[in-house]
Amino acid sequence: MELLRRYGLYLAIVLSLVIVIVFFVFKNGQDADSETGQRSKQDMMSSSSDPSSSNYTGGSDGGSGGEIPEDGATPAVLLEQYQEWAQYPPYSRPMSILNHDLAFPFIIENSPDYQLDPKTKEGNGYVCLFQPKTWSVVGNKDVMYVTLECRDKARNRVKISVDSHQVFREWEGQRYGSVSADVNDTGSDGDQVRGDNIYTFAWKPQKADWGQMSLVANITYGPENLKTTVTASFFSSPSIPAEFSGVFSDSLQDGSLIVRAIVNVYKKGKYHLEANLKDEKNGEYIAYAIYDGDLKSGSNEVEFIFFGKILRDKDLDGPYLATSFRGHRVNLPIDPDWYNQGEEGLRKLQAAKTTEPDRELVYPYKDEYKTKFYKVESFAKVVWDSQDKQDRIRQIKALE
């Protein structure tokens, strides 16, 4: 009986530990699922593309197509999803800090490159980070800075020797050599601290350096004099088709906040422009707005519409900060009118070819513009509606 009680006590303790472990594993799993679900919903709501469409991208550059995604979703689910998304127009979407690409549109964060032993193909404990300071370089006055550092198992920086390096323009699977970058660890030419084992590459584009670029460096690192090749990628747009002048104004119109920006256009064409809106008091991200349209050469006034219901739902009084003004000139080899020209238009579309990237970047405006004071109640709380929205609802309902 004593033995039974003793082992019974041990068994109770073990079972208690198992229950506690299972509880925490389950809870952590629930928290992770909840965070993943929250991010997924936030991505859907911030997207400018119809989530019930087959060409839904989850980003800000998508469109709303007519096809239904083949993911097994029922028409009822698609309708519910679409109606939730379509509270706001495609050109004005809510956002938060979770929408990292929208909140920080000028940077790209690379992951550390874990180094491998060339014989065993297993990790040797070192990591190297080749990090562009911005995701793009715009105009020949801009300089692209890329930093390089390597760390050991204890994550201490180790000495690096840059044996060789080359910048390439990438196009249709081919690489074309470009002007070389300057590199140093002397605390000059963009390098922050002399001798801190963080090397800085500085590169300025030439006229032909338009599109996706790669900086490839062969290096020796660590006390063992190990060798590796690292690559950093960024976008280059050396010709500036337009730029934000820094002149802005704002007003309340039809229940929404309108921020107007003067854009100096040097190359007429179709433009896609975006801007973010933040709370002036705590910096919380509220929304971003999109302008798509033709701009003529010279001075143009562009309106960014921050939809009233987004502001009402965020429940934040003004003033607000409009920031991260960015965009590009659309550089496609087709004319939209071709789609309406029957067989002749189809032949033109099929024959269209290009040797140029599909966009020229507008010189951005990264500072903040402070709007006037607005009470949040002054904005309309009505759900967005349009003929396109009603047509889409009828199309989804017809699937039933």
Protein backbone atom coordinates (compact mmCIF):
# COMPACT_ATOMS: atom_id res chain seq x y z
CA MET A 1 0.00 0.00 0.00
CA GLU A 2 2.89 2.38 0.87
CA LEU A 3 4.50 1.59 -2.51
CA LEU A 4 1.22 2.31 -4.27
CA ARG A 5 0.85 5.66 -2.50
CA ARG A 6 4.45 6.59 -3.33
CA TYR A 7 4.15 5.74 -7.01
CA GLY A 8 0.70 7.30 -7.08
CA LEU A 9 2.23 10.54 -5.84
CA TYR A 10 4.96 10.35 -8.49
CA LEU A 11 2.35 9.67 -11.15
CA ALA A 12 0.28 12.65 -10.03
CA ILE A 13 3.33 14.93 -10.20
CA VAL A 14 4.23 13.67 -13.70
CA LEU A 15 0.65 14.10 -14.90
CA SER A 16 0.57 17.63 -13.50
CA LEU A 17 3.78 18.50 -15.34
CA VAL A 18 2.41 17.04 -18.57
CA ILE A 19 -0.79 19.06 -18.20
CA VAL A 20 1.17 22.27 -17.59
CA ILE A 21 3.42 21.62 -20.61
CA VAL A 22 0.46 20.80 -22.85
CA PHE A 23 -1.34 23.93 -21.65
CA PHE A 24 1.57 26.22 -22.49
CA VAL A 25 2.21 24.53 -25.84
CA PHE A 26 -1.49 24.82 -26.70
CA LYS A 27 -1.63 28.43 -25.49
CA ASN A 28 1.48 29.42 -27.45
CA GLY A 29 0.03 27.70 -30.49
CA GLN A 30 -3.20 29.62 -30.07
CA ASP A 31 -1.32 32.90 -29.67
CA ALA A 32 0.73 32.19 -32.79
CA ASP A 33 -2.39 31.26 -34.74
CA SER A 34 -4.11 34.40 -33.48
CA GLU A 35 -1.19 36.62 -34.52
CA THR A 36 -1.00 34.92 -37.91
CA GLY A 37 -4.73 35.37 -38.40
CA GLN A 38 -4.52 39.01 -37.37
CA ARG A 39 -1.72 39.67 -39.85
CA SER A 40 -3.58 37.82 -42.60
CA LYS A 41 -6.72 39.89 -42.05
CA GLN A 42 -4.73 43.11 -41.86
CA ASP A 43 -3.02 42.23 -45.15
CA MET A 44 -6.39 41.60 -46.77
CA MET A 45 -7.95 44.83 -45.51
CA SER A 46 -4.96 46.95 -46.51
CA SER A 47 -4.77 45.48 -50.00
CA SER A 48 -6.09 47.50 -52.92
CA SER A 49 -6.95 44.31 -54.82
CA ASP A 50 -10.21 42.37 -54.50
CA PRO A 51 -9.58 39.37 -52.17
CA SER A 52 -12.36 37.36 -53.84
CA SER A 53 -10.65 37.60 -57.22
CA SER A 54 -8.23 35.13 -58.77
CA ASN A 55 -5.60 37.86 -59.19
CA TYR A 56 -5.64 38.94 -55.53
CA THR A 57 -2.07 39.81 -54.59
CA GLY A 58 -2.36 41.11 -51.05
CA GLY A 59 -0.33 44.20 -52.00
CA SER A 60 -1.02 47.76 -52.99
CA ASP A 61 -0.53 47.31 -56.73
CA GLY A 62 -3.18 44.71 -57.42
CA GLY A 63 -6.32 45.02 -59.47
CA SER A 64 -9.79 43.57 -59.17
CA GLY A 65 -10.42 40.92 -61.73
CA GLY A 66 -13.56 39.05 -62.57
CA GLU A 67 -12.47 35.49 -61.94
CA ILE A 68 -13.03 33.57 -58.75
CA PRO A 69 -10.02 32.01 -56.97
CA GLU A 70 -9.86 28.22 -57.15
CA ASP A 71 -9.17 27.65 -53.46
CA GLY A 72 -12.35 25.83 -52.52
CA ALA A 73 -14.07 28.85 -50.98
CA THR A 74 -17.84 28.83 -51.30
CA PRO A 75 -19.69 31.77 -52.90
CA ALA A 76 -21.09 32.65 -49.47
CA VAL A 77 -17.60 32.88 -47.98
CA LEU A 78 -16.36 34.90 -50.95
CA LEU A 79 -19.28 37.29 -50.64
CA GLU A 80 -18.72 37.81 -46.92
CA GLN A 81 -15.01 38.36 -47.53
CA TYR A 82 -15.60 40.77 -50.38
CA GLN A 83 -18.20 42.82 -48.50
CA GLU A 84 -15.90 43.18 -45.51
CA TRP A 85 -13.05 44.31 -47.77
CA ALA A 86 -15.27 46.61 -49.85
CA GLN A 87 -16.25 48.83 -46.91
CA TYR A 88 -13.51 51.07 -48.28
CA PRO A 89 -12.58 51.90 -51.90
CA PRO A 90 -9.57 50.31 -53.60
CA TYR A 91 -7.84 53.70 -53.80
CA SER A 92 -8.01 54.34 -50.03
CA ARG A 93 -7.23 51.53 -47.61
CA PRO A 94 -6.71 51.18 -43.85
CA MET A 95 -3.25 50.22 -42.66
CA SER A 96 -1.25 49.63 -39.49
CA ILE A 97 2.32 48.98 -38.42
CA LEU A 98 1.68 45.32 -39.30
CA ASN A 99 1.72 46.36 -42.97
CA HIS A 100 5.49 46.66 -42.90
CA ASP A 101 5.96 47.17 -46.65
CA LEU A 102 3.51 50.07 -46.61
CA ALA A 103 4.72 51.61 -43.36
CA PHE A 104 8.37 51.50 -44.44
CA PRO A 105 8.23 51.68 -48.25
CA PHE A 106 11.78 52.94 -48.77
CA ILE A 107 13.69 50.15 -47.06
CA ILE A 108 14.24 46.45 -47.65
CA GLU A 109 15.37 44.17 -44.83
CA ASN A 110 17.62 41.29 -45.82
CA SER A 111 18.01 38.18 -43.68
CA PRO A 112 21.48 37.17 -42.49
CA ASP A 113 23.24 34.74 -44.81
CA TYR A 114 24.28 31.66 -42.81
CA GLN A 115 27.65 30.47 -44.03
CA LEU A 116 28.35 26.81 -44.86
CA ASP A 117 31.42 24.64 -44.59
CA PRO A 118 32.39 23.86 -48.22
CA LYS A 119 33.18 20.22 -47.34
CA THR A 120 30.33 19.23 -45.05
CA LYS A 121 27.78 21.71 -46.47
CA GLU A 122 26.75 22.37 -42.87
CA GLY A 123 26.70 25.68 -41.06
CA ASN A 124 30.11 26.86 -39.86
CA GLY A 125 28.68 29.24 -37.24
CA TYR A 126 29.26 32.46 -39.18
CA VAL A 127 26.60 34.77 -40.60
CA CYS A 128 27.06 37.66 -43.04
CA LEU A 129 24.62 40.49 -43.71
CA PHE A 130 24.76 42.43 -46.99
CA GLN A 131 22.20 45.20 -46.49
CA PRO A 132 21.17 48.05 -48.85
CA LYS A 133 20.25 51.21 -46.93
CA THR A 134 17.22 51.75 -49.21
CA TRP A 135 15.38 49.51 -51.66
CA SER A 136 16.06 51.84 -54.58
CA VAL A 137 18.25 54.64 -55.86
CA VAL A 138 16.44 57.39 -57.79
CA GLY A 139 18.23 59.91 -60.02
CA ASN A 140 21.93 60.32 -60.63
CA LYS A 141 22.30 62.52 -57.55
CA ASP A 142 21.28 59.69 -55.21
CA VAL A 143 23.86 57.24 -53.88
CA MET A 144 23.11 53.62 -53.04
CA TYR A 145 24.85 52.57 -49.82
CA VAL A 146 25.17 48.88 -48.99
CA THR A 147 26.75 47.67 -45.73
CA LEU A 148 28.50 44.35 -45.18
CA GLU A 149 29.37 42.65 -41.91
CA CYS A 150 30.08 39.10 -40.75
CA ARG A 151 29.69 37.68 -37.23
CA ASP A 152 30.95 34.54 -35.47
CA LYS A 153 29.09 32.02 -33.30
CA ALA A 154 29.04 34.50 -30.41
CA ARG A 155 27.68 37.09 -32.85
CA ASN A 156 30.77 39.28 -32.56
CA ARG A 157 31.88 41.04 -35.72
CA VAL A 158 34.93 39.57 -37.44
CA LYS A 159 37.43 41.09 -39.81
CA ILE A 160 36.54 41.14 -43.50
CA SER A 161 38.62 41.51 -46.63
CA VAL A 162 36.78 42.48 -49.81
CA ASP A 163 38.69 40.58 -52.52
CA SER A 164 36.58 41.75 -55.49
CA HIS A 165 33.16 43.16 -56.25
CA GLN A 166 30.98 44.01 -59.24
CA VAL A 167 27.61 45.65 -59.90
CA PHE A 168 25.32 44.06 -62.49
CA ARG A 169 22.06 45.06 -64.17
CA GLU A 170 19.64 42.13 -64.30
CA TRP A 171 17.39 41.72 -67.34
CA GLU A 172 15.49 38.61 -68.46
CA GLY A 173 17.87 36.22 -66.74
CA GLN A 174 21.02 37.93 -68.03
CA ARG A 175 23.60 40.05 -66.22
CA TYR A 176 25.17 43.17 -67.69
CA GLY A 177 28.15 44.78 -66.00
CA SER A 178 27.87 48.28 -64.61
CA VAL A 179 30.18 50.88 -63.08
CA SER A 180 31.88 49.62 -59.92
CA ALA A 181 31.09 50.67 -56.38
CA ASP A 182 33.51 52.27 -53.92
CA VAL A 183 34.04 50.38 -50.65
CA ASN A 184 35.65 51.35 -47.35
CA ASP A 185 35.67 50.97 -43.57
CA THR A 186 37.32 54.31 -42.93
CA GLY A 187 34.33 56.28 -41.67
CA SER A 188 34.01 58.21 -44.94
CA ASP A 189 31.87 58.18 -48.11
CA GLY A 190 28.80 56.88 -46.31
CA ASP A 191 30.63 54.61 -43.87
CA GLN A 192 29.53 55.39 -40.32
CA VAL A 193 32.45 54.31 -38.08
CA ARG A 194 36.08 53.83 -38.95
CA GLY A 195 37.44 50.32 -38.37
CA ASP A 196 34.25 48.76 -36.93
CA ASN A 197 34.33 45.84 -39.41
CA ILE A 198 31.25 47.13 -41.18
CA TYR A 199 32.20 47.87 -44.78
CA THR A 200 30.14 50.33 -46.81
CA PHE A 201 29.77 50.14 -50.59
CA ALA A 202 28.79 53.39 -52.35
CA TRP A 203 27.38 53.29 -55.89
CA LYS A 204 25.86 55.89 -58.24
CA PRO A 205 23.88 54.82 -61.31
CA GLN A 206 24.71 55.73 -64.88
CA LYS A 207 22.03 56.42 -67.49
CA ALA A 208 21.88 52.74 -68.59
CA ASP A 209 21.53 51.42 -65.03
CA TRP A 210 17.73 51.17 -65.04
CA GLY A 211 16.04 48.22 -63.38
CA GLN A 212 16.96 45.47 -60.94
CA MET A 213 20.62 45.61 -59.88
CA SER A 214 22.89 43.15 -58.07
CA LEU A 215 26.04 43.92 -56.10
CA VAL A 216 28.20 40.79 -55.88
CA ALA A 217 31.24 40.67 -53.59
CA ASN A 218 33.86 37.97 -53.03
CA ILE A 219 35.16 38.26 -49.48
CA THR A 220 37.50 36.64 -46.96
CA TYR A 221 36.28 36.65 -43.36
CA GLY A 222 37.17 35.42 -39.87
CA PRO A 223 40.49 34.30 -38.34
CA GLU A 224 40.38 31.13 -40.46
CA ASN A 225 40.42 33.25 -43.64
CA LEU A 226 37.23 31.68 -44.94
CA LYS A 227 35.92 32.73 -48.33
CA THR A 228 32.41 33.30 -49.62
CA THR A 229 30.37 35.27 -52.16
CA VAL A 230 27.56 37.58 -51.05
CA THR A 231 24.93 39.36 -53.13
CA ALA A 232 22.71 42.38 -52.45
CA SER A 233 19.86 43.45 -54.74
CA PHE A 234 18.17 46.82 -55.22
CA PHE A 235 16.32 48.83 -57.87
CA SER A 236 17.87 51.66 -59.86
CA SER A 237 15.95 54.42 -61.67
CA PRO A 238 18.53 57.00 -62.83
CA SER A 239 16.14 59.18 -64.85
CA ILE A 240 13.62 61.12 -62.77
CA PRO A 241 10.25 61.35 -64.62
CA ALA A 242 8.64 63.43 -61.86
CA GLU A 243 9.11 64.56 -58.27
CA PHE A 244 7.02 65.86 -55.40
CA SER A 245 7.57 69.59 -54.98
CA GLY A 246 6.94 69.66 -51.22
CA VAL A 247 3.86 71.88 -51.64
CA PHE A 248 0.71 70.41 -50.06
CA SER A 249 -2.77 71.42 -48.92
CA ASP A 250 -5.73 69.63 -47.34
CA SER A 251 -9.49 69.92 -46.95
CA LEU A 252 -12.64 68.03 -46.08
CA GLN A 253 -14.55 66.98 -49.18
CA ASP A 254 -17.61 64.69 -49.43
CA GLY A 255 -16.88 63.35 -45.95
CA SER A 256 -13.26 62.36 -46.71
CA LEU A 257 -9.89 63.97 -46.08
CA ILE A 258 -8.25 65.23 -49.27
CA VAL A 259 -4.50 65.88 -49.30
CA ARG A 260 -3.33 67.67 -52.44
CA ALA A 261 0.26 67.46 -53.62
CA ILE A 262 1.99 69.46 -56.34
CA VAL A 263 3.99 67.13 -58.58
CA ASN A 264 6.55 68.46 -61.04
CA VAL A 265 6.38 66.19 -64.10
CA TYR A 266 9.29 66.02 -66.53
CA LYS A 267 7.95 63.11 -68.56
CA LYS A 268 4.23 62.91 -69.21
CA GLY A 269 2.43 59.59 -68.91
CA LYS A 270 0.37 57.36 -66.65
CA TYR A 271 1.43 57.51 -63.00
CA HIS A 272 0.80 55.39 -59.91
CA LEU A 273 1.35 57.41 -56.72
CA GLU A 274 0.83 56.59 -53.03
CA ALA A 275 0.91 58.37 -49.67
CA ASN A 276 0.50 57.31 -46.03
CA LEU A 277 -1.50 58.98 -43.26
CA LYS A 278 -0.52 58.87 -39.57
CA ASP A 279 -1.92 60.18 -36.32
CA GLU A 280 0.01 63.33 -35.36
CA LYS A 281 -0.18 62.59 -31.62
CA ASN A 282 1.12 59.02 -31.38
CA GLY A 283 2.36 58.18 -34.87
CA GLU A 284 -0.20 55.41 -35.39
CA TYR A 285 -0.67 54.49 -39.05
CA ILE A 286 -4.21 55.16 -40.26
CA ALA A 287 -4.45 54.68 -44.01
CA TYR A 288 -2.75 55.00 -47.36
CA ALA A 289 -4.17 56.45 -50.54
CA ILE A 290 -3.50 55.78 -54.22
CA TYR A 291 -3.61 58.04 -57.24
CA ASP A 292 -3.72 56.46 -60.71
CA GLY A 293 -3.96 58.73 -63.69
CA ASP A 294 -2.32 60.62 -66.52
CA LEU A 295 -0.07 63.57 -65.73
CA LYS A 296 1.05 66.20 -68.21
CA SER A 297 4.47 67.78 -68.37
CA GLY A 298 4.86 70.65 -65.93
CA SER A 299 3.16 71.29 -62.58
CA ASN A 300 0.29 68.95 -61.67
CA GLU A 301 -1.97 68.87 -58.61
CA VAL A 302 -2.66 65.33 -57.42
CA GLU A 303 -5.38 64.44 -54.90
CA PHE A 304 -4.92 61.69 -52.32
CA ILE A 305 -8.33 60.70 -50.91
CA PHE A 306 -8.30 59.27 -47.38
CA PHE A 307 -11.76 57.74 -47.15
CA GLY A 308 -13.94 59.10 -44.34
CA LYS A 309 -15.03 55.75 -42.88
CA ILE A 310 -11.40 54.71 -42.33
CA LEU A 311 -10.87 57.81 -40.17
CA ARG A 312 -14.15 57.22 -38.34
CA ASP A 313 -13.25 53.60 -37.67
CA LYS A 314 -9.81 54.60 -36.34
CA ASP A 315 -11.54 57.17 -34.08
CA LEU A 316 -8.66 59.64 -34.09
CA ASP A 317 -9.01 63.42 -34.23
CA GLY A 318 -6.62 65.44 -36.37
CA PRO A 319 -4.27 66.95 -37.15
CA TYR A 320 -2.78 64.14 -39.23
CA LEU A 321 0.59 63.60 -40.85
CA ALA A 322 0.72 62.75 -44.55
CA THR A 323 4.04 61.15 -45.41
CA SER A 324 6.00 58.70 -47.59
CA PHE A 325 4.87 60.22 -50.88
CA ARG A 326 6.10 57.81 -53.54
CA GLY A 327 5.25 56.22 -56.86
CA HIS A 328 6.31 55.53 -60.41
CA ARG A 329 5.60 56.31 -64.02
CA VAL A 330 4.02 53.29 -65.70
CA ASN A 331 6.29 52.17 -68.52
CA LEU A 332 4.40 49.42 -70.32
CA PRO A 333 4.74 48.72 -74.07
CA ILE A 334 0.97 48.62 -74.57
CA ASP A 335 -1.78 51.18 -75.02
CA PRO A 336 -4.93 50.45 -72.93
CA ASP A 337 -7.05 51.44 -75.95
CA TRP A 338 -5.79 48.33 -77.74
CA TYR A 339 -8.09 46.21 -75.59
CA ASN A 340 -11.07 47.87 -77.32
CA GLN A 341 -9.80 47.50 -80.89
CA GLY A 342 -10.87 43.92 -81.55
CA GLU A 343 -8.58 41.70 -83.63
CA GLU A 344 -6.33 44.62 -84.58
CA GLY A 345 -5.83 45.46 -80.91
CA LEU A 346 -5.13 41.80 -80.12
CA ARG A 347 -2.39 41.72 -82.79
CA LYS A 348 -0.82 44.83 -81.29
CA LEU A 349 -0.89 43.30 -77.81
CA GLN A 350 0.70 40.07 -79.02
CA ALA A 351 3.45 41.94 -80.87
CA ALA A 352 4.24 44.31 -77.98
CA LYS A 353 7.76 43.88 -76.65
CA THR A 354 10.01 45.98 -74.48
CA THR A 355 13.63 46.19 -73.48
CA GLU A 356 12.90 48.50 -70.54
CA PRO A 357 11.65 47.95 -66.97
CA ASP A 358 7.95 48.48 -66.38
CA ARG A 359 8.39 51.52 -64.11
CA GLU A 360 10.37 54.71 -63.63
CA LEU A 361 10.46 55.82 -60.02
CA VAL A 362 9.23 59.24 -58.98
CA TYR A 363 11.62 61.08 -56.69
CA PRO A 364 9.88 60.60 -53.33
CA TYR A 365 9.03 63.02 -50.55
CA LYS A 366 9.93 61.41 -47.23
CA ASP A 367 9.18 64.29 -44.86
CA GLU A 368 5.81 64.83 -43.19
CA TYR A 369 3.03 67.24 -44.04
CA LYS A 370 0.80 68.23 -41.11
CA THR A 371 -2.87 68.74 -41.92
CA LYS A 372 -5.30 71.11 -40.26
CA PHE A 373 -7.21 70.05 -37.16
CA TYR A 374 -10.28 67.91 -37.80
CA LYS A 375 -12.76 66.35 -35.40
CA VAL A 376 -13.19 62.71 -36.36
CA GLU A 377 -16.98 63.18 -36.31
CA SER A 378 -16.66 65.49 -39.32
CA PHE A 379 -15.83 62.54 -41.55
CA ALA A 380 -18.52 60.39 -43.15
CA LYS A 381 -19.09 56.90 -41.74
CA VAL A 382 -20.92 55.50 -44.76
CA VAL A 383 -19.60 52.37 -46.45
CA TRP A 384 -18.06 52.83 -49.90
CA ASP A 385 -20.34 52.06 -52.83
CA SER A 386 -19.99 52.13 -56.61
CA GLN A 387 -21.37 50.49 -59.73
CA ASP A 388 -18.32 48.23 -59.92
CA LYS A 389 -18.96 47.07 -56.36
CA GLN A 390 -22.60 46.23 -57.05
CA ASP A 391 -21.63 44.39 -60.25
CA ARG A 392 -19.08 42.35 -58.30
CA ILE A 393 -21.64 41.42 -55.63
CA ARG A 394 -24.11 40.26 -58.31
CA GLN A 395 -21.34 38.25 -60.00
CA ILE A 396 -20.46 36.42 -56.77
CA LYS A 397 -24.13 35.78 -55.92
CA ALA A 398 -24.68 34.33 -59.39
CA LEU A 399 -22.22 31.55 -58.55
CA GLU A 400 -24.72 30.09 -56.11
